[in-house]
Amino acid sequence: MLDLNQVINDAIAEQWEKKVILLPYPTGLPEIISQKQVKEIFSVSVGTVRDWERLGLKRYKSKADSSMVFYKIKDIYELITKVED
């Protein structure tokens, strides 16, 4: 079973190693971002994104191209901050 604390701690450690500071909430980003953008913005791997999905992050698919996966940035931040509460 996935441990939410461990997944978030791993993501934070990965950010720390790369000297990336995670802002409280990004400004100027669209409401929905692609999986590729999630990887770039949060400096995480596809595996981490899949772990987040297992922990409740909802994925959205394009009707035009079912291979494209999107996420609401608000949902990502809610998942990440759950651990801090």
C-alpha atoms as a PDB file:
ATOM      1  CA  MET A   1       0.000   0.000   0.000  1.00  0.00           C
ATOM      2  CA  LEU A   2       1.269   3.446  -0.876  1.00  0.00           C
ATOM      3  CA  ASP A   3       2.255   5.691   2.000  1.00  0.00           C
ATOM      4  CA  LEU A   4       1.223   9.293   1.261  1.00  0.00           C
ATOM      5  CA  ASN A   5       3.860  10.708   3.605  1.00  0.00           C
ATOM      6  CA  GLN A   6       6.626   8.714   1.905  1.00  0.00           C
ATOM      7  CA  VAL A   7       5.548   9.748  -1.605  1.00  0.00           C
ATOM      8  CA  ILE A   8       5.444  13.429  -0.634  1.00  0.00           C
ATOM      9  CA  ASN A   9       8.722  13.185   1.279  1.00  0.00           C
ATOM     10  CA  ASP A  10      10.364  11.596  -1.756  1.00  0.00           C
ATOM     11  CA  ALA A  11       9.032  14.380  -4.001  1.00  0.00           C
ATOM     12  CA  ILE A  12      10.301  17.030  -1.580  1.00  0.00           C
ATOM     13  CA  ALA A  13      13.703  15.333  -1.357  1.00  0.00           C
ATOM     14  CA  GLU A  14      13.858  15.234  -5.149  1.00  0.00           C
ATOM     15  CA  GLN A  15      13.055  18.971  -5.255  1.00  0.00           C
ATOM     16  CA  TRP A  16      15.677  19.729  -2.586  1.00  0.00           C
ATOM     17  CA  GLU A  17      18.382  17.837  -4.473  1.00  0.00           C
ATOM     18  CA  LYS A  18      17.661  19.868  -7.578  1.00  0.00           C
ATOM     19  CA  LYS A  19      17.564  23.121  -5.564  1.00  0.00           C
ATOM     20  CA  VAL A  20      14.050  23.826  -6.822  1.00  0.00           C
ATOM     21  CA  ILE A  21      11.799  25.827  -4.548  1.00  0.00           C
ATOM     22  CA  LEU A  22       8.139  24.892  -4.671  1.00  0.00           C
ATOM     23  CA  LEU A  23       6.087  28.068  -4.434  1.00  0.00           C
ATOM     24  CA  PRO A  24       2.865  28.059  -2.410  1.00  0.00           C
ATOM     25  CA  TYR A  25       0.810  28.263  -5.604  1.00  0.00           C
ATOM     26  CA  PRO A  26       1.985  29.072  -9.101  1.00  0.00           C
ATOM     27  CA  THR A  27       0.689  32.137 -10.851  1.00  0.00           C
ATOM     28  CA  GLY A  28       0.279  32.534 -14.570  1.00  0.00           C
ATOM     29  CA  LEU A  29      -0.331  28.850 -15.258  1.00  0.00           C
ATOM     30  CA  PRO A  30      -3.403  27.455 -16.963  1.00  0.00           C
ATOM     31  CA  GLU A  31      -5.970  25.698 -14.768  1.00  0.00           C
ATOM     32  CA  ILE A  32      -5.276  22.370 -16.485  1.00  0.00           C
ATOM     33  CA  ILE A  33      -1.778  21.200 -17.397  1.00  0.00           C
ATOM     34  CA  SER A  34      -0.434  18.207 -19.276  1.00  0.00           C
ATOM     35  CA  GLN A  35       1.446  15.339 -17.680  1.00  0.00           C
ATOM     36  CA  LYS A  36       4.607  16.630 -19.353  1.00  0.00           C
ATOM     37  CA  GLN A  37       4.067  20.053 -17.781  1.00  0.00           C
ATOM     38  CA  VAL A  38       3.508  18.452 -14.362  1.00  0.00           C
ATOM     39  CA  LYS A  39       6.864  16.693 -14.707  1.00  0.00           C
ATOM     40  CA  GLU A  40       8.603  19.936 -15.712  1.00  0.00           C
ATOM     41  CA  ILE A  41       6.946  22.262 -13.170  1.00  0.00           C
ATOM     42  CA  PHE A  42       7.363  19.931 -10.196  1.00  0.00           C
ATOM     43  CA  SER A  43      10.588  18.275 -11.389  1.00  0.00           C
ATOM     44  CA  VAL A  44       9.164  14.803 -10.828  1.00  0.00           C
ATOM     45  CA  SER A  45       9.132  11.599 -12.822  1.00  0.00           C
ATOM     46  CA  VAL A  46       6.183   9.894 -14.503  1.00  0.00           C
ATOM     47  CA  GLY A  47       6.368   7.326 -11.699  1.00  0.00           C
ATOM     48  CA  THR A  48       5.794  10.042  -9.097  1.00  0.00           C
ATOM     49  CA  VAL A  49       2.807  11.359 -11.061  1.00  0.00           C
ATOM     50  CA  ARG A  50       1.387   7.821 -11.172  1.00  0.00           C
ATOM     51  CA  ASP A  51       1.920   7.504  -7.413  1.00  0.00           C
ATOM     52  CA  TRP A  52      -0.020  10.740  -6.970  1.00  0.00           C
ATOM     53  CA  GLU A  53      -2.826   9.261  -9.069  1.00  0.00           C
ATOM     54  CA  ARG A  54      -2.931   6.221  -6.782  1.00  0.00           C
ATOM     55  CA  LEU A  55      -3.216   8.637  -3.868  1.00  0.00           C
ATOM     56  CA  GLY A  56      -6.224  10.347  -5.424  1.00  0.00           C
ATOM     57  CA  LEU A  57      -5.002  12.769  -8.097  1.00  0.00           C
ATOM     58  CA  LYS A  58      -7.619  12.759 -10.838  1.00  0.00           C
ATOM     59  CA  ARG A  59      -6.477  12.494 -14.446  1.00  0.00           C
ATOM     60  CA  TYR A  60      -8.356  13.990 -17.364  1.00  0.00           C
ATOM     61  CA  LYS A  61      -8.126  12.785 -20.947  1.00  0.00           C
ATOM     62  CA  SER A  62      -8.696  14.713 -24.133  1.00  0.00           C
ATOM     63  CA  LYS A  63     -11.671  13.563 -26.198  1.00  0.00           C
ATOM     64  CA  ALA A  64      -9.743  14.429 -29.349  1.00  0.00           C
ATOM     65  CA  ASP A  65      -6.585  12.543 -28.359  1.00  0.00           C
ATOM     66  CA  SER A  66      -7.100   9.856 -25.733  1.00  0.00           C
ATOM     67  CA  SER A  67      -3.350   9.466 -25.209  1.00  0.00           C
ATOM     68  CA  MET A  68      -3.057  12.999 -23.795  1.00  0.00           C
ATOM     69  CA  VAL A  69      -3.361  13.167 -19.991  1.00  0.00           C
ATOM     70  CA  PHE A  70      -4.085  16.357 -18.080  1.00  0.00           C
ATOM     71  CA  TYR A  71      -4.367  17.389 -14.428  1.00  0.00           C
ATOM     72  CA  LYS A  72      -5.852  20.343 -12.600  1.00  0.00           C
ATOM     73  CA  ILE A  73      -3.027  22.231 -10.943  1.00  0.00           C
ATOM     74  CA  LYS A  74      -5.337  22.941  -8.005  1.00  0.00           C
ATOM     75  CA  ASP A  75      -5.750  19.174  -7.466  1.00  0.00           C
ATOM     76  CA  ILE A  76      -1.979  18.688  -7.422  1.00  0.00           C
ATOM     77  CA  TYR A  77      -1.473  21.363  -4.796  1.00  0.00           C
ATOM     78  CA  GLU A  78      -4.313  19.988  -2.685  1.00  0.00           C
ATOM     79  CA  LEU A  79      -2.685  16.537  -2.762  1.00  0.00           C
ATOM     80  CA  ILE A  80       0.748  17.890  -1.884  1.00  0.00           C
ATOM     81  CA  THR A  81      -0.486  20.058   0.979  1.00  0.00           C
ATOM     82  CA  LYS A  82      -2.637  17.274   2.510  1.00  0.00           C
ATOM     83  CA  VAL A  83       0.461  15.898   4.204  1.00  0.00           C
ATOM     84  CA  GLU A  84       1.289  19.217   5.846  1.00  0.00           C
ATOM     85  CA  ASP A  85      -2.073  19.470   7.629  1.00  0.00           C
END
